Structure formats: C-alpha cells, structure tokens
Amino acid sequence: MSKAVERLVVLGTAGVFVAGTALGLNLAFSKPDPVAAEPTCEIKKIAKGEVLSSNLVMVHVYNASQRAGVANRVKINLERRGFLGGVAQNNPGQLKPKNVMVLSQDPADPRARLVARQFKGKVERVQADFETEDGISVLIGPDYQGLKKAGTKLKASQDVTVCVPTITLP
C-alpha cells in the first residue's frame, strides 16, 4: 500500500472519530424535545336521575386514629367494592372524627352520599380543613366501626362531574 493511501485511511479514520465525538457530545448535552401533556383523567357527567356507581368515584382515606394501617385497609376494602382507590395516609388536618367523616365541599354531593352509606355507625359529612385531592376524602376515627353491606350504586340527586383516571398503554 502506498504512503498516500495510508495517509488517506488515517485522516479518514481521524475525521470519523472527531465527527462522532462532536455528535455524541451534542446529543449528550442537548435538551429533550417537549412532550405534550396527556390528560390524567376523562371527565364524565352524571345527570340528575342517572345512576352513579362506585367505579366512577375516587376515594382518598386518611387515618385520624392511633391505629397504624387503618387508612390503607379501608381503602383496599372500598376498592373491593369497586371504588377507585386514591391516597391512604395519616390525617393532615385538625378534624377529629369519632367514627367516620366524609369530606366534601357539598354535603349533598351524590358521590359523598354513596361513600357515606358504606360505613357502619354515625358518619358525619363536613368540609375539609386541608387541601383535598379530586374525589371524596374520608377520615377514619378511633371508634371506627367498619363497613356495612350497602349498595354501590345510587341515583344522582343532582348533576355531578367525575374525573375517571385514564391509563395510556404503550
């Protein structure tokens, strides 16, 4: 092989190496393309007189008792009845229920009524004293009496809008 050909091979290899390194560094430090935000839920409207079922109601359960794990157990039991499971954590507010409190801005909300009828004993319906998630929030107190056999559907006494979570499959 002649010296001219050897020089061309070496220069060509060096050029490819330099160009590849520059491209790699450019890609490594570039910002990703923006991704369009996808909706996290589908808005459904239930008109007055239509059936509201548990699979349209997101329930968040907060433990206001001294017993560990109560909120999670209640949330799991409500999920078994078809409710959509939200958060399960300790009470972030100051409200102290004896048995159960259903937190809702509107005590006549059909979602709050459907959730409240699931519990044994006295169930209070009040406004929350902390920032709540979308859906219905429940506080479980130290005298929690458990769930009773109750229906998981009711006729809506007023129009209600629910946010049903969407799952995007790849």
Protein backbone atom coordinates (compact mmCIF):
# COMPACT_ATOMS: atom_id res chain seq x y z
CA MET A 1 0.00 0.00 0.00
CA SER A 2 1.37 3.41 -0.86
CA LYS A 3 2.03 6.15 1.66
CA ALA A 4 -0.67 8.36 0.08
CA VAL A 5 -3.33 5.69 0.62
CA GLU A 6 -2.16 5.12 4.22
CA ARG A 7 -2.43 8.85 4.92
CA LEU A 8 -5.95 8.95 3.49
CA VAL A 9 -7.03 6.00 5.66
CA VAL A 10 -5.56 7.60 8.81
CA LEU A 11 -7.07 11.01 8.04
CA GLY A 12 -10.44 9.44 7.19
CA THR A 13 -10.47 7.45 10.45
CA ALA A 14 -9.48 10.53 12.46
CA GLY A 15 -12.21 12.57 10.73
CA VAL A 16 -14.87 9.97 11.55
CA PHE A 17 -13.67 9.86 15.18
CA VAL A 18 -13.78 13.67 15.56
CA ALA A 19 -17.20 13.95 13.90
CA GLY A 20 -18.61 11.09 16.02
CA THR A 21 -17.26 12.64 19.22
CA ALA A 22 -18.76 16.03 18.35
CA LEU A 23 -22.15 14.48 17.54
CA GLY A 24 -22.10 12.37 20.71
CA LEU A 25 -21.32 15.38 22.92
CA ASN A 26 -24.04 17.39 21.20
CA LEU A 27 -26.60 14.64 21.85
CA ALA A 28 -25.44 14.08 25.42
CA PHE A 29 -25.92 17.71 26.44
CA SER A 30 -28.95 18.66 24.36
CA LYS A 31 -32.36 19.25 25.93
CA PRO A 32 -35.08 16.69 25.18
CA ASP A 33 -37.93 17.59 22.88
CA PRO A 34 -41.00 18.78 24.80
CA VAL A 35 -43.68 16.13 25.30
CA ALA A 36 -47.32 17.11 25.12
CA ALA A 37 -49.06 16.66 28.46
CA GLU A 38 -51.65 13.91 28.31
CA PRO A 39 -54.88 14.19 30.28
CA THR A 40 -54.77 12.21 33.52
CA CYS A 41 -58.48 11.59 33.54
CA GLU A 42 -61.61 11.52 31.46
CA ILE A 43 -64.37 13.88 32.58
CA LYS A 44 -67.77 12.17 32.83
CA LYS A 45 -71.02 13.91 33.63
CA ILE A 46 -73.74 12.12 35.53
CA ALA A 47 -77.06 13.94 35.18
CA LYS A 48 -79.67 14.16 37.94
CA GLY A 49 -81.61 10.89 37.98
CA GLU A 50 -78.88 8.83 36.29
CA VAL A 51 -77.10 6.03 38.14
CA LEU A 52 -73.81 6.84 39.85
CA SER A 53 -71.75 3.72 40.51
CA SER A 54 -68.72 3.14 42.70
CA ASN A 55 -66.39 2.67 39.72
CA LEU A 56 -66.75 6.40 38.98
CA VAL A 57 -65.84 7.61 42.48
CA MET A 58 -62.25 8.17 43.63
CA VAL A 59 -61.90 7.76 47.41
CA HIS A 60 -58.99 9.07 49.49
CA VAL A 61 -58.74 7.68 53.03
CA TYR A 62 -56.99 9.42 55.92
CA ASN A 63 -56.24 7.86 59.31
CA ALA A 64 -57.26 10.07 62.25
CA SER A 65 -56.86 7.27 64.80
CA GLN A 66 -53.82 5.92 66.62
CA ARG A 67 -54.00 2.54 64.85
CA ALA A 68 -51.43 2.02 62.13
CA GLY A 69 -52.59 0.94 58.68
CA VAL A 70 -56.29 1.69 59.11
CA ALA A 71 -56.47 4.05 56.12
CA ASN A 72 -54.85 1.52 53.81
CA ARG A 73 -57.14 -1.33 54.96
CA VAL A 74 -60.25 0.81 54.50
CA LYS A 75 -59.07 1.94 51.05
CA ILE A 76 -58.47 -1.69 49.99
CA ASN A 77 -61.92 -2.72 51.23
CA LEU A 78 -63.54 0.15 49.32
CA GLU A 79 -61.60 -0.83 46.19
CA ARG A 80 -63.04 -4.34 46.54
CA ARG A 81 -66.46 -2.69 46.29
CA GLY A 82 -65.45 -1.04 43.04
CA PHE A 83 -64.40 2.41 44.24
CA LEU A 84 -61.31 3.95 42.69
CA GLY A 85 -58.51 3.97 45.26
CA GLY A 86 -56.80 7.28 45.95
CA VAL A 87 -54.33 8.13 48.68
CA ALA A 88 -54.14 6.38 52.05
CA GLN A 89 -52.25 8.36 54.64
CA ASN A 90 -52.43 9.99 58.06
CA ASN A 91 -54.78 12.89 58.71
CA PRO A 92 -53.06 16.11 57.55
CA GLY A 93 -55.73 18.33 59.15
CA GLN A 94 -57.15 19.06 62.60
CA LEU A 95 -60.60 17.41 62.29
CA LYS A 96 -61.11 14.58 64.79
CA PRO A 97 -63.91 12.18 63.86
CA LYS A 98 -65.18 9.62 66.34
CA ASN A 99 -66.17 7.06 63.71
CA VAL A 100 -66.03 8.38 60.12
CA MET A 101 -66.15 11.78 58.42
CA VAL A 102 -66.78 12.13 54.71
CA LEU A 103 -65.18 15.34 53.49
CA SER A 104 -66.89 17.20 50.68
CA GLN A 105 -67.45 20.82 49.68
CA ASP A 106 -71.11 19.92 49.08
CA PRO A 107 -72.69 17.57 51.66
CA ALA A 108 -75.46 16.76 49.15
CA ASP A 109 -72.90 15.55 46.59
CA PRO A 110 -74.11 12.12 45.38
CA ARG A 111 -70.52 10.82 45.49
CA ALA A 112 -70.30 11.75 49.19
CA ARG A 113 -73.65 10.09 49.88
CA LEU A 114 -72.58 6.90 48.09
CA VAL A 115 -69.33 6.72 50.07
CA ALA A 116 -71.00 7.60 53.40
CA ARG A 117 -73.55 4.79 53.09
CA GLN A 118 -70.70 2.21 53.05
CA PHE A 119 -69.84 2.73 56.74
CA LYS A 120 -71.43 1.43 59.94
CA GLY A 121 -72.37 3.85 62.71
CA LYS A 122 -72.63 7.63 62.59
CA VAL A 123 -71.00 9.16 59.54
CA GLU A 124 -70.52 12.92 59.53
CA ARG A 125 -70.33 14.89 56.28
CA VAL A 126 -68.25 18.06 56.63
CA GLN A 127 -65.93 20.33 54.67
CA ALA A 128 -62.24 19.52 54.83
CA ASP A 129 -59.80 21.64 56.81
CA PHE A 130 -56.92 20.73 54.47
CA GLU A 131 -56.32 20.67 50.71
CA THR A 132 -58.01 17.53 49.37
CA GLU A 133 -57.45 15.55 46.20
CA ASP A 134 -60.06 15.32 43.45
CA GLY A 135 -62.74 12.87 44.56
CA ILE A 136 -64.15 12.14 48.00
CA SER A 137 -61.98 12.10 51.12
CA VAL A 138 -62.73 10.07 54.23
CA LEU A 139 -61.33 10.46 57.76
CA ILE A 140 -61.27 7.31 59.88
CA GLY A 141 -61.52 7.96 63.62
CA PRO A 142 -60.55 5.93 66.70
CA ASP A 143 -64.07 4.47 67.11
CA TYR A 144 -64.24 3.19 63.52
CA GLN A 145 -66.98 0.53 63.29
CA GLY A 146 -66.24 -0.93 59.87
CA LEU A 147 -68.07 -1.27 56.59
CA LYS A 148 -71.66 -2.43 56.29
CA LYS A 149 -73.36 -4.25 53.45
CA ALA A 150 -74.51 -1.47 51.20
CA GLY A 151 -75.23 -0.90 47.55
CA THR A 152 -72.55 0.56 45.35
CA LYS A 153 -74.94 2.47 43.09
CA LEU A 154 -77.44 5.25 43.61
CA LYS A 155 -79.48 7.67 41.55
CA ALA A 156 -77.82 11.05 41.45
CA SER A 157 -79.87 13.68 43.26
CA GLN A 158 -78.07 16.41 41.31
CA ASP A 159 -75.74 16.72 38.35
CA VAL A 160 -72.21 15.62 39.18
CA THR A 161 -68.95 15.64 37.26
CA VAL A 162 -66.41 12.89 37.89
CA CYS A 163 -62.82 12.51 36.77
CA VAL A 164 -62.15 8.88 35.81
CA PRO A 165 -58.39 8.17 35.60
CA THR A 166 -57.09 7.18 32.19
CA ILE A 167 -54.41 4.62 31.57
CA THR A 168 -52.26 5.03 28.49
CA LEU A 169 -50.97 1.75 27.17
CA PRO A 170 -47.78 1.78 25.11
